[in-house]
Amino acid sequence: MKNTETADVFAGMPKSRVLKMWRLYRRETEALLRQSVPNWILQENRDLLRNFFHSRQDGGTGFRMAAWTSACRKLEEHLLAGGQIALLTSRLLELQNLFEEEASSVDRRLAEKRND
């Protein structure tokens, strides 16, 4: 799944602003994955979990994080369909690793663009 929407979203935007937006998205997502999501799983709070996965999709799409965006979409759909929250317990570490892997790619791409 290749994402081409980023060019349109960030076209003409100052590199410093894109970098600032990225840092905020990354910091928020990492904090939520470490602290809030595990608590919401324990509390079986379907609404907050679904909202998390929904809200992370736009940023993932914007920063060309195709696998992360796809995982968020699938988990949101799973929760909307009434799927078990327990599935998230077994997938949390995998999700954290997936986000970190794709975030590292974004970091590299943004660093390359800064040097252009």
PDB file of N, CA and C in Angstrom:
ATOM      1  N   MET A   1       0.853  -1.170   0.000  1.00  0.00           N
ATOM      2  CA  MET A   1       0.000   0.000   0.000  1.00  0.00           C
ATOM      3  C   MET A   1       0.900   1.234   0.000  1.00  0.00           C
ATOM      4  N   LYS A   2       0.900   1.947  -1.082  1.00  0.00           N
ATOM      5  CA  LYS A   2       1.735   3.139  -1.213  1.00  0.00           C
ATOM      6  C   LYS A   2       0.858   4.365  -1.062  1.00  0.00           C
ATOM      7  N   ASN A   3       1.300   5.300  -0.280  1.00  0.00           N
ATOM      8  CA  ASN A   3       0.523   6.507  -0.032  1.00  0.00           C
ATOM      9  C   ASN A   3       1.137   7.667  -0.793  1.00  0.00           C
ATOM     10  N   THR A   4       0.320   8.355  -1.593  1.00  0.00           N
ATOM     11  CA  THR A   4       0.813   9.500  -2.354  1.00  0.00           C
ATOM     12  C   THR A   4       0.182  10.801  -1.899  1.00  0.00           C
ATOM     13  N   GLU A   5      -0.662  10.752  -0.868  1.00  0.00           N
ATOM     14  CA  GLU A   5      -1.372  11.950  -0.425  1.00  0.00           C
ATOM     15  C   GLU A   5      -0.469  12.957   0.275  1.00  0.00           C
ATOM     16  N   THR A   6       0.657  12.540   0.789  1.00  0.00           N
ATOM     17  CA  THR A   6       1.507  13.441   1.564  1.00  0.00           C
ATOM     18  C   THR A   6       1.952  14.641   0.754  1.00  0.00           C
ATOM     19  N   ALA A   7       2.330  14.423  -0.476  1.00  0.00           N
ATOM     20  CA  ALA A   7       2.823  15.527  -1.297  1.00  0.00           C
ATOM     21  C   ALA A   7       1.795  16.649  -1.369  1.00  0.00           C
ATOM     22  N   ASP A   8       0.524  16.306  -1.533  1.00  0.00           N
ATOM     23  CA  ASP A   8      -0.525  17.318  -1.604  1.00  0.00           C
ATOM     24  C   ASP A   8      -0.751  17.989  -0.256  1.00  0.00           C
ATOM     25  N   VAL A   9      -0.708  17.234   0.805  1.00  0.00           N
ATOM     26  CA  VAL A   9      -0.983  17.766   2.137  1.00  0.00           C
ATOM     27  C   VAL A   9       0.075  18.775   2.561  1.00  0.00           C
ATOM     28  N   PHE A  10       1.344  18.466   2.315  1.00  0.00           N
ATOM     29  CA  PHE A  10       2.434  19.299   2.803  1.00  0.00           C
ATOM     30  C   PHE A  10       3.073  20.182   1.735  1.00  0.00           C
ATOM     31  N   ALA A  11       2.559  20.125   0.505  1.00  0.00           N
ATOM     32  CA  ALA A  11       3.143  20.921  -0.578  1.00  0.00           C
ATOM     33  C   ALA A  11       3.103  22.406  -0.226  1.00  0.00           C
ATOM     34  N   GLY A  12       4.233  23.041  -0.364  1.00  0.00           N
ATOM     35  CA  GLY A  12       4.312  24.471  -0.110  1.00  0.00           C
ATOM     36  C   GLY A  12       4.411  24.857   1.354  1.00  0.00           C
ATOM     37  N   MET A  13       4.292  23.895   2.228  1.00  0.00           N
ATOM     38  CA  MET A  13       4.380  24.183   3.661  1.00  0.00           C
ATOM     39  C   MET A  13       5.861  24.275   4.046  1.00  0.00           C
ATOM     40  N   PRO A  14       6.228  25.239   4.874  1.00  0.00           N
ATOM     41  CA  PRO A  14       7.635  25.337   5.297  1.00  0.00           C
ATOM     42  C   PRO A  14       8.107  24.041   5.968  1.00  0.00           C
ATOM     43  N   LYS A  15       9.333  23.650   5.651  1.00  0.00           N
ATOM     44  CA  LYS A  15       9.891  22.414   6.216  1.00  0.00           C
ATOM     45  C   LYS A  15       9.877  22.439   7.737  1.00  0.00           C
ATOM     46  N   SER A  16      10.106  23.614   8.314  1.00  0.00           N
ATOM     47  CA  SER A  16      10.123  23.713   9.780  1.00  0.00           C
ATOM     48  C   SER A  16       8.748  23.400  10.368  1.00  0.00           C
ATOM     49  N   ARG A  17       7.699  23.788   9.662  1.00  0.00           N
ATOM     50  CA  ARG A  17       6.344  23.506  10.149  1.00  0.00           C
ATOM     51  C   ARG A  17       6.022  22.017  10.045  1.00  0.00           C
ATOM     52  N   VAL A  18       6.405  21.409   8.938  1.00  0.00           N
ATOM     53  CA  VAL A  18       6.191  19.966   8.763  1.00  0.00           C
ATOM     54  C   VAL A  18       6.939  19.207   9.856  1.00  0.00           C
ATOM     55  N   LEU A  19       8.168  19.606  10.123  1.00  0.00           N
ATOM     56  CA  LEU A  19       8.969  18.948  11.158  1.00  0.00           C
ATOM     57  C   LEU A  19       8.323  19.112  12.530  1.00  0.00           C
ATOM     58  N   LYS A  20       7.818  20.287  12.812  1.00  0.00           N
ATOM     59  CA  LYS A  20       7.141  20.539  14.093  1.00  0.00           C
ATOM     60  C   LYS A  20       5.886  19.665  14.220  1.00  0.00           C
ATOM     61  N   MET A  21       5.116  19.568  13.133  1.00  0.00           N
ATOM     62  CA  MET A  21       3.913  18.726  13.141  1.00  0.00           C
ATOM     63  C   MET A  21       4.289  17.267  13.361  1.00  0.00           C
ATOM     64  N   TRP A  22       5.362  16.814  12.708  1.00  0.00           N
ATOM     65  CA  TRP A  22       5.812  15.441  12.864  1.00  0.00           C
ATOM     66  C   TRP A  22       6.219  15.154  14.309  1.00  0.00           C
ATOM     67  N   ARG A  23       7.004  16.038  14.879  1.00  0.00           N
ATOM     68  CA  ARG A  23       7.467  15.822  16.258  1.00  0.00           C
ATOM     69  C   ARG A  23       6.298  15.733  17.230  1.00  0.00           C
ATOM     70  N   LEU A  24       5.300  16.574  17.038  1.00  0.00           N
ATOM     71  CA  LEU A  24       4.111  16.540  17.893  1.00  0.00           C
ATOM     72  C   LEU A  24       3.353  15.230  17.712  1.00  0.00           C
ATOM     73  N   TYR A  25       3.116  14.827  16.457  1.00  0.00           N
ATOM     74  CA  TYR A  25       2.409  13.571  16.175  1.00  0.00           C
ATOM     75  C   TYR A  25       3.157  12.387  16.794  1.00  0.00           C
ATOM     76  N   ARG A  26       4.467  12.348  16.597  1.00  0.00           N
ATOM     77  CA  ARG A  26       5.258  11.233  17.124  1.00  0.00           C
ATOM     78  C   ARG A  26       5.219  11.201  18.650  1.00  0.00           C
ATOM     79  N   ARG A  27       5.435  12.351  19.270  1.00  0.00           N
ATOM     80  CA  ARG A  27       5.451  12.428  20.741  1.00  0.00           C
ATOM     81  C   ARG A  27       4.100  11.998  21.321  1.00  0.00           C
ATOM     82  N   GLU A  28       3.010  12.504  20.752  1.00  0.00           N
ATOM     83  CA  GLU A  28       1.670  12.145  21.240  1.00  0.00           C
ATOM     84  C   GLU A  28       1.396  10.661  21.069  1.00  0.00           C
ATOM     85  N   THR A  29       1.711  10.136  19.891  1.00  0.00           N
ATOM     86  CA  THR A  29       1.425   8.728  19.605  1.00  0.00           C
ATOM     87  C   THR A  29       2.226   7.813  20.518  1.00  0.00           C
ATOM     88  N   GLU A  30       3.505   8.100  20.696  1.00  0.00           N
ATOM     89  CA  GLU A  30       4.331   7.274  21.586  1.00  0.00           C
ATOM     90  C   GLU A  30       3.799   7.302  23.015  1.00  0.00           C
ATOM     91  N   ALA A  31       3.429   8.478  23.493  1.00  0.00           N
ATOM     92  CA  ALA A  31       2.904   8.591  24.864  1.00  0.00           C
ATOM     93  C   ALA A  31       1.593   7.832  25.010  1.00  0.00           C
ATOM     94  N   LEU A  32       0.720   7.970  24.040  1.00  0.00           N
ATOM     95  CA  LEU A  32      -0.567   7.266  24.103  1.00  0.00           C
ATOM     96  C   LEU A  32      -0.368   5.755  24.052  1.00  0.00           C
ATOM     97  N   LEU A  33       0.527   5.286  23.187  1.00  0.00           N
ATOM     98  CA  LEU A  33       0.786   3.845  23.088  1.00  0.00           C
ATOM     99  C   LEU A  33       1.394   3.282  24.371  1.00  0.00           C
ATOM    100  N   ARG A  34       2.222   4.067  25.038  1.00  0.00           N
ATOM    101  CA  ARG A  34       2.878   3.604  26.272  1.00  0.00           C
ATOM    102  C   ARG A  34       1.963   3.681  27.484  1.00  0.00           C
ATOM    103  N   GLN A  35       1.180   4.761  27.587  1.00  0.00           N
ATOM    104  CA  GLN A  35       0.438   5.016  28.817  1.00  0.00           C
ATOM    105  C   GLN A  35      -1.065   4.809  28.685  1.00  0.00           C
ATOM    106  N   SER A  36      -1.686   5.502  27.776  1.00  0.00           N
ATOM    107  CA  SER A  36      -3.151   5.511  27.712  1.00  0.00           C
ATOM    108  C   SER A  36      -3.746   4.235  27.141  1.00  0.00           C
ATOM    109  N   VAL A  37      -3.219   3.775  26.004  1.00  0.00           N
ATOM    110  CA  VAL A  37      -3.799   2.590  25.359  1.00  0.00           C
ATOM    111  C   VAL A  37      -3.809   1.386  26.300  1.00  0.00           C
ATOM    112  N   PRO A  38      -2.710   1.073  27.011  1.00  0.00           N
ATOM    113  CA  PRO A  38      -2.775  -0.061  27.950  1.00  0.00           C
ATOM    114  C   PRO A  38      -3.864   0.114  29.018  1.00  0.00           C
ATOM    115  N   ASN A  39      -4.029   1.336  29.506  1.00  0.00           N
ATOM    116  CA  ASN A  39      -5.086   1.587  30.497  1.00  0.00           C
ATOM    117  C   ASN A  39      -6.468   1.397  29.890  1.00  0.00           C
ATOM    118  N   TRP A  40      -6.662   1.885  28.676  1.00  0.00           N
ATOM    119  CA  TRP A  40      -7.966   1.738  28.022  1.00  0.00           C
ATOM    120  C   TRP A  40      -8.278   0.273  27.748  1.00  0.00           C
ATOM    121  N   ILE A  41      -7.240  -0.520  27.456  1.00  0.00           N
ATOM    122  CA  ILE A  41      -7.448  -1.957  27.249  1.00  0.00           C
ATOM    123  C   ILE A  41      -7.901  -2.595  28.562  1.00  0.00           C
ATOM    124  N   LEU A  42      -7.207  -2.280  29.651  1.00  0.00           N
ATOM    125  CA  LEU A  42      -7.581  -2.829  30.964  1.00  0.00           C
ATOM    126  C   LEU A  42      -8.996  -2.424  31.364  1.00  0.00           C
ATOM    127  N   GLN A  43      -9.375  -1.194  31.046  1.00  0.00           N
ATOM    128  CA  GLN A  43     -10.709  -0.683  31.378  1.00  0.00           C
ATOM    129  C   GLN A  43     -11.765  -1.126  30.360  1.00  0.00           C
ATOM    130  N   GLU A  44     -11.307  -1.785  29.296  1.00  0.00           N
ATOM    131  CA  GLU A  44     -12.176  -2.194  28.190  1.00  0.00           C
ATOM    132  C   GLU A  44     -12.967  -1.004  27.648  1.00  0.00           C
ATOM    133  N   ASN A  45     -12.281   0.108  27.462  1.00  0.00           N
ATOM    134  CA  ASN A  45     -12.910   1.330  26.972  1.00  0.00           C
ATOM    135  C   ASN A  45     -12.852   1.362  25.446  1.00  0.00           C
ATOM    136  N   ARG A  46     -13.829   0.739  24.852  1.00  0.00           N
ATOM    137  CA  ARG A  46     -13.915   0.596  23.397  1.00  0.00           C
ATOM    138  C   ARG A  46     -13.919   1.950  22.686  1.00  0.00           C
ATOM    139  N   ASP A  47     -14.644   2.928  23.222  1.00  0.00           N
ATOM    140  CA  ASP A  47     -14.758   4.230  22.557  1.00  0.00           C
ATOM    141  C   ASP A  47     -13.417   4.956  22.482  1.00  0.00           C
ATOM    142  N   LEU A  48     -12.686   5.003  23.583  1.00  0.00           N
ATOM    143  CA  LEU A  48     -11.391   5.687  23.563  1.00  0.00           C
ATOM    144  C   LEU A  48     -10.386   4.961  22.675  1.00  0.00           C
ATOM    145  N   LEU A  49     -10.418   3.647  22.695  1.00  0.00           N
ATOM    146  CA  LEU A  49      -9.527   2.883  21.824  1.00  0.00           C
ATOM    147  C   LEU A  49      -9.859   3.129  20.355  1.00  0.00           C
ATOM    148  N   ARG A  50     -11.135   3.073  20.038  1.00  0.00           N
ATOM    149  CA  ARG A  50     -11.551   3.311  18.650  1.00  0.00           C
ATOM    150  C   ARG A  50     -11.166   4.717  18.214  1.00  0.00           C
ATOM    151  N   ASN A  51     -11.389   5.706  19.084  1.00  0.00           N
ATOM    152  CA  ASN A  51     -11.020   7.086  18.759  1.00  0.00           C
ATOM    153  C   ASN A  51      -9.510   7.235  18.559  1.00  0.00           C
ATOM    154  N   PHE A  52      -8.732   6.542  19.373  1.00  0.00           N
ATOM    155  CA  PHE A  52      -7.273   6.584  19.205  1.00  0.00           C
ATOM    156  C   PHE A  52      -6.892   6.083  17.818  1.00  0.00           C
ATOM    157  N   PHE A  53      -7.391   4.903  17.456  1.00  0.00           N
ATOM    158  CA  PHE A  53      -7.013   4.332  16.163  1.00  0.00           C
ATOM    159  C   PHE A  53      -7.531   5.180  15.005  1.00  0.00           C
ATOM    160  N   HIS A  54      -8.692   5.770  15.171  1.00  0.00           N
ATOM    161  CA  HIS A  54      -9.226   6.652  14.131  1.00  0.00           C
ATOM    162  C   HIS A  54      -8.365   7.912  13.996  1.00  0.00           C
ATOM    163  N   SER A  55      -8.043   8.532  15.108  1.00  0.00           N
ATOM    164  CA  SER A  55      -7.305   9.803  15.079  1.00  0.00           C
ATOM    165  C   SER A  55      -5.871   9.648  14.578  1.00  0.00           C
ATOM    166  N   ARG A  56      -5.280   8.499  14.729  1.00  0.00           N
ATOM    167  CA  ARG A  56      -3.895   8.297  14.291  1.00  0.00           C
ATOM    168  C   ARG A  56      -3.790   8.052  12.788  1.00  0.00           C
ATOM    169  N   GLN A  57      -4.907   7.763  12.122  1.00  0.00           N
ATOM    170  CA  GLN A  57      -4.865   7.453  10.697  1.00  0.00           C
ATOM    171  C   GLN A  57      -4.483   8.650   9.833  1.00  0.00           C
ATOM    172  N   ASP A  58      -5.010   9.828  10.120  1.00  0.00           N
ATOM    173  CA  ASP A  58      -4.688  10.998   9.301  1.00  0.00           C
ATOM    174  C   ASP A  58      -3.202  11.324   9.359  1.00  0.00           C
ATOM    175  N   GLY A  59      -2.644  11.325  10.549  1.00  0.00           N
ATOM    176  CA  GLY A  59      -1.213  11.594  10.678  1.00  0.00           C
ATOM    177  C   GLY A  59      -0.385  10.524   9.994  1.00  0.00           C
ATOM    178  N   GLY A  60      -0.797   9.279  10.163  1.00  0.00           N
ATOM    179  CA  GLY A  60      -0.086   8.184   9.507  1.00  0.00           C
ATOM    180  C   GLY A  60      -0.124   8.316   8.001  1.00  0.00           C
ATOM    181  N   THR A  61      -1.279   8.697   7.478  1.00  0.00           N
ATOM    182  CA  THR A  61      -1.413   8.907   6.039  1.00  0.00           C
ATOM    183  C   THR A  61      -0.556  10.088   5.598  1.00  0.00           C
ATOM    184  N   GLY A  62      -0.648  11.174   6.339  1.00  0.00           N
ATOM    185  CA  GLY A  62       0.092  12.379   5.978  1.00  0.00           C
ATOM    186  C   GLY A  62       1.595  12.187   5.960  1.00  0.00           C
ATOM    187  N   PHE A  63       2.097  11.342   6.838  1.00  0.00           N
ATOM    188  CA  PHE A  63       3.542  11.127   6.916  1.00  0.00           C
ATOM    189  C   PHE A  63       3.972   9.841   6.213  1.00  0.00           C
ATOM    190  N   ARG A  64       3.109   9.291   5.377  1.00  0.00           N
ATOM    191  CA  ARG A  64       3.397   8.096   4.559  1.00  0.00           C
ATOM    192  C   ARG A  64       3.775   6.877   5.393  1.00  0.00           C
ATOM    193  N   MET A  65       2.993   6.640   6.421  1.00  0.00           N
ATOM    194  CA  MET A  65       3.200   5.473   7.281  1.00  0.00           C
ATOM    195  C   MET A  65       2.114   4.448   6.934  1.00  0.00           C
ATOM    196  N   ALA A  66       2.254   3.837   5.767  1.00  0.00           N
ATOM    197  CA  ALA A  66       1.204   2.982   5.222  1.00  0.00           C
ATOM    198  C   ALA A  66       0.844   1.806   6.131  1.00  0.00           C
ATOM    199  N   ALA A  67       1.834   1.102   6.648  1.00  0.00           N
ATOM    200  CA  ALA A  67       1.551  -0.072   7.489  1.00  0.00           C
ATOM    201  C   ALA A  67       0.885   0.347   8.797  1.00  0.00           C
ATOM    202  N   TRP A  68       1.354   1.446   9.396  1.00  0.00           N
ATOM    203  CA  TRP A  68       0.765   1.961  10.635  1.00  0.00           C
ATOM    204  C   TRP A  68      -0.683   2.381  10.392  1.00  0.00           C
ATOM    205  N   THR A  69      -0.914   3.115   9.310  1.00  0.00           N
ATOM    206  CA  THR A  69      -2.265   3.575   8.981  1.00  0.00           C
ATOM    207  C   THR A  69      -3.190   2.392   8.760  1.00  0.00           C
ATOM    208  N   SER A  70      -2.707   1.399   8.048  1.00  0.00           N
ATOM    209  CA  SER A  70      -3.505   0.202   7.781  1.00  0.00           C
ATOM    210  C   SER A  70      -3.839  -0.540   9.076  1.00  0.00           C
ATOM    211  N   ALA A  71      -2.868  -0.679   9.962  1.00  0.00           N
ATOM    212  CA  ALA A  71      -3.112  -1.355  11.246  1.00  0.00           C
ATOM    213  C   ALA A  71      -4.147  -0.592  12.065  1.00  0.00           C
ATOM    214  N   CYS A  72      -4.036   0.728  12.084  1.00  0.00           N
ATOM    215  CA  CYS A  72      -5.010   1.547  12.830  1.00  0.00           C
ATOM    216  C   CYS A  72      -6.408   1.392  12.245  1.00  0.00           C
ATOM    217  N   ARG A  73      -6.499   1.402  10.918  1.00  0.00           N
ATOM    218  CA  ARG A  73      -7.795   1.261  10.256  1.00  0.00           C
ATOM    219  C   ARG A  73      -8.424  -0.095  10.589  1.00  0.00           C
ATOM    220  N   LYS A  74      -7.625  -1.152  10.511  1.00  0.00           N
ATOM    221  CA  LYS A  74      -8.133  -2.499  10.795  1.00  0.00           C
ATOM    222  C   LYS A  74      -8.598  -2.625  12.246  1.00  0.00           C
ATOM    223  N   LEU A  75      -7.841  -2.050  13.172  1.00  0.00           N
ATOM    224  CA  LEU A  75      -8.230  -2.143  14.582  1.00  0.00           C
ATOM    225  C   LEU A  75      -9.462  -1.292  14.875  1.00  0.00           C
ATOM    226  N   GLU A  76      -9.569  -0.148  14.234  1.00  0.00           N
ATOM    227  CA  GLU A  76     -10.786   0.654  14.398  1.00  0.00           C
ATOM    228  C   GLU A  76     -11.996  -0.132  13.884  1.00  0.00           C
ATOM    229  N   GLU A  77     -11.867  -0.737  12.711  1.00  0.00           N
ATOM    230  CA  GLU A  77     -12.963  -1.532  12.146  1.00  0.00           C
ATOM    231  C   GLU A  77     -13.293  -2.719  13.043  1.00  0.00           C
ATOM    232  N   HIS A  78     -12.277  -3.361  13.595  1.00  0.00           N
ATOM    233  CA  HIS A  78     -12.465  -4.492  14.513  1.00  0.00           C
ATOM    234  C   HIS A  78     -13.313  -4.056  15.714  1.00  0.00           C
ATOM    235  N   LEU A  79     -12.975  -2.900  16.281  1.00  0.00           N
ATOM    236  CA  LEU A  79     -13.712  -2.400  17.446  1.00  0.00           C
ATOM    237  C   LEU A  79     -15.121  -1.965  17.068  1.00  0.00           C
ATOM    238  N   LEU A  80     -15.275  -1.344  15.911  1.00  0.00           N
ATOM    239  CA  LEU A  80     -16.610  -0.930  15.453  1.00  0.00           C
ATOM    240  C   LEU A  80     -17.522  -2.134  15.233  1.00  0.00           C
ATOM    241  N   ALA A  81     -16.930  -3.237  14.797  1.00  0.00           N
ATOM    242  CA  ALA A  81     -17.706  -4.450  14.537  1.00  0.00           C
ATOM    243  C   ALA A  81     -18.001  -5.234  15.815  1.00  0.00           C
ATOM    244  N   GLY A  82     -17.563  -4.705  16.959  1.00  0.00           N
ATOM    245  CA  GLY A  82     -17.820  -5.389  18.226  1.00  0.00           C
ATOM    246  C   GLY A  82     -16.784  -6.434  18.573  1.00  0.00           C
ATOM    247  N   GLY A  83     -15.642  -6.402  17.888  1.00  0.00           N
ATOM    248  CA  GLY A  83     -14.571  -7.365  18.149  1.00  0.00           C
ATOM    249  C   GLY A  83     -14.019  -7.240  19.559  1.00  0.00           C
ATOM    250  N   GLN A  84     -13.393  -8.301  20.005  1.00  0.00           N
ATOM    251  CA  GLN A  84     -12.886  -8.358  21.376  1.00  0.00           C
ATOM    252  C   GLN A  84     -11.710  -7.412  21.595  1.00  0.00           C
ATOM    253  N   ILE A  85     -11.746  -6.729  22.717  1.00  0.00           N
ATOM    254  CA  ILE A  85     -10.666  -5.825  23.099  1.00  0.00           C
ATOM    255  C   ILE A  85      -9.427  -6.626  23.481  1.00  0.00           C
ATOM    256  N   ALA A  86      -9.607  -7.851  23.935  1.00  0.00           N
ATOM    257  CA  ALA A  86      -8.484  -8.698  24.348  1.00  0.00           C
ATOM    258  C   ALA A  86      -7.467  -8.887  23.218  1.00  0.00           C
ATOM    259  N   LEU A  87      -7.916  -8.805  21.975  1.00  0.00           N
ATOM    260  CA  LEU A  87      -7.006  -8.916  20.835  1.00  0.00           C
ATOM    261  C   LEU A  87      -5.909  -7.854  20.926  1.00  0.00           C
ATOM    262  N   LEU A  88      -6.270  -6.685  21.416  1.00  0.00           N
ATOM    263  CA  LEU A  88      -5.308  -5.586  21.502  1.00  0.00           C
ATOM    264  C   LEU A  88      -4.201  -5.873  22.510  1.00  0.00           C
ATOM    265  N   THR A  89      -4.520  -6.618  23.548  1.00  0.00           N
ATOM    266  CA  THR A  89      -3.512  -6.962  24.554  1.00  0.00           C
ATOM    267  C   THR A  89      -2.354  -7.705  23.906  1.00  0.00           C
ATOM    268  N   SER A  90      -2.682  -8.658  23.073  1.00  0.00           N
ATOM    269  CA  SER A  90      -1.640  -9.457  22.426  1.00  0.00           C
ATOM    270  C   SER A  90      -0.944  -8.703  21.298  1.00  0.00           C
ATOM    271  N   ARG A  91      -1.552  -7.641  20.798  1.00  0.00           N
ATOM    272  CA  ARG A  91      -0.972  -6.907  19.671  1.00  0.00           C
ATOM    273  C   ARG A  91      -0.296  -5.601  20.069  1.00  0.00           C
ATOM    274  N   LEU A  92      -0.365  -5.223  21.340  1.00  0.00           N
ATOM    275  CA  LEU A  92       0.140  -3.911  21.750  1.00  0.00           C
ATOM    276  C   LEU A  92       1.638  -3.746  21.471  1.00  0.00           C
ATOM    277  N   LEU A  93       2.444  -4.706  21.852  1.00  0.00           N
ATOM    278  CA  LEU A  93       3.885  -4.611  21.608  1.00  0.00           C
ATOM    279  C   LEU A  93       4.170  -4.553  20.103  1.00  0.00           C
ATOM    280  N   GLU A  94       3.458  -5.354  19.352  1.00  0.00           N
ATOM    281  CA  GLU A  94       3.595  -5.345  17.890  1.00  0.00           C
ATOM    282  C   GLU A  94       3.258  -3.959  17.320  1.00  0.00           C
ATOM    283  N   LEU A  95       2.190  -3.347  17.830  1.00  0.00           N
ATOM    284  CA  LEU A  95       1.805  -2.005  17.379  1.00  0.00           C
ATOM    285  C   LEU A  95       2.864  -0.970  17.737  1.00  0.00           C
ATOM    286  N   GLN A  96       3.387  -1.058  18.944  1.00  0.00           N
ATOM    287  CA  GLN A  96       4.437  -0.127  19.367  1.00  0.00           C
ATOM    288  C   GLN A  96       5.669  -0.263  18.474  1.00  0.00           C
ATOM    289  N   ASN A  97       6.043  -1.495  18.170  1.00  0.00           N
ATOM    290  CA  ASN A  97       7.203  -1.733  17.306  1.00  0.00           C
ATOM    291  C   ASN A  97       6.950  -1.251  15.883  1.00  0.00           C
ATOM    292  N   LEU A  98       5.746  -1.489  15.384  1.00  0.00           N
ATOM    293  CA  LEU A  98       5.391  -1.034  14.040  1.00  0.00           C
ATOM    294  C   LEU A  98       5.466   0.484  13.960  1.00  0.00           C
ATOM    295  N   PHE A  99       4.908   1.157  14.958  1.00  0.00           N
ATOM    296  CA  PHE A  99       4.961   2.618  14.947  1.00  0.00           C
ATOM    297  C   PHE A  99       6.409   3.092  14.984  1.00  0.00           C
ATOM    298  N   GLU A 100       7.221   2.504  15.844  1.00  0.00           N
ATOM    299  CA  GLU A 100       8.626   2.924  15.966  1.00  0.00           C
ATOM    300  C   GLU A 100       9.380   2.707  14.657  1.00  0.00           C
ATOM    301  N   GLU A 101       9.129   1.578  14.016  1.00  0.00           N
ATOM    302  CA  GLU A 101       9.794   1.275  12.742  1.00  0.00           C
ATOM    303  C   GLU A 101       9.420   2.312  11.679  1.00  0.00           C
ATOM    304  N   GLU A 102       8.141   2.584  11.551  1.00  0.00           N
ATOM    305  CA  GLU A 102       7.707   3.542  10.533  1.00  0.00           C
ATOM    306  C   GLU A 102       8.111   4.966  10.909  1.00  0.00           C
ATOM    307  N   ALA A 103       8.102   5.288  12.195  1.00  0.00           N
ATOM    308  CA  ALA A 103       8.516   6.624  12.640  1.00  0.00           C
ATOM    309  C   ALA A 103       9.993   6.856  12.324  1.00  0.00           C
ATOM    310  N   SER A 104      10.804   5.835  12.464  1.00  0.00           N
ATOM    311  CA  SER A 104      12.225   5.959  12.125  1.00  0.00           C
ATOM    312  C   SER A 104      12.407   6.259  10.644  1.00  0.00           C
ATOM    313  N   SER A 105      11.574   5.656   9.815  1.00  0.00           N
ATOM    314  CA  SER A 105      11.601   5.937   8.374  1.00  0.00           C
ATOM    315  C   SER A 105      11.241   7.387   8.092  1.00  0.00           C
ATOM    316  N   VAL A 106      10.221   7.878   8.781  1.00  0.00           N
ATOM    317  CA  VAL A 106       9.814   9.275   8.604  1.00  0.00           C
ATOM    318  C   VAL A 106      10.950  10.192   9.044  1.00  0.00           C
ATOM    319  N   ASP A 107      11.580   9.878  10.169  1.00  0.00           N
ATOM    320  CA  ASP A 107      12.714  10.679  10.642  1.00  0.00           C
ATOM    321  C   ASP A 107      13.803  10.765   9.570  1.00  0.00           C
ATOM    322  N   ARG A 108      14.115   9.620   8.946  1.00  0.00           N
ATOM    323  CA  ARG A 108      15.150   9.603   7.903  1.00  0.00           C
ATOM    324  C   ARG A 108      14.737  10.449   6.702  1.00  0.00           C
ATOM    325  N   ARG A 109      13.483  10.292   6.266  1.00  0.00           N
ATOM    326  CA  ARG A 109      13.008  11.075   5.105  1.00  0.00           C
ATOM    327  C   ARG A 109      13.045  12.568   5.390  1.00  0.00           C
ATOM    328  N   LEU A 110      12.599  12.957   6.581  1.00  0.00           N
ATOM    329  CA  LEU A 110      12.599  14.382   6.924  1.00  0.00           C
ATOM    330  C   LEU A 110      14.024  14.922   7.047  1.00  0.00           C
ATOM    331  N   ALA A 111      14.940  14.118   7.558  1.00  0.00           N
ATOM    332  CA  ALA A 111      16.340  14.543   7.663  1.00  0.00           C
ATOM    333  C   ALA A 111      16.940  14.737   6.272  1.00  0.00           C
ATOM    334  N   GLU A 112      16.606  13.838   5.347  1.00  0.00           N
ATOM    335  CA  GLU A 112      17.093  13.969   3.968  1.00  0.00           C
ATOM    336  C   GLU A 112      16.552  15.239   3.322  1.00  0.00           C
ATOM    337  N   LYS A 113      15.276  15.536   3.559  1.00  0.00           N
ATOM    338  CA  LYS A 113      14.672  16.738   2.977  1.00  0.00           C
ATOM    339  C   LYS A 113      15.273  18.004   3.576  1.00  0.00           C
ATOM    340  N   ARG A 114      15.626  17.951   4.840  1.00  0.00           N
ATOM    341  CA  ARG A 114      16.250  19.111   5.488  1.00  0.00           C
ATOM    342  C   ARG A 114      17.600  19.420   4.863  1.00  0.00           C
ATOM    343  N   ASN A 115      18.279  18.371   4.405  1.00  0.00           N
ATOM    344  CA  ASN A 115      19.608  18.544   3.816  1.00  0.00           C
ATOM    345  C   ASN A 115      19.556  18.925   2.343  1.00  0.00           C
ATOM    346  N   ASP A 116      18.370  18.934   1.769  1.00  0.00           N
ATOM    347  CA  ASP A 116      18.229  19.316   0.345  1.00  0.00           C
ATOM    348  C   ASP A 116      18.435  20.794   0.157  1.00  0.00           C
TER     349      ASP A 116
END
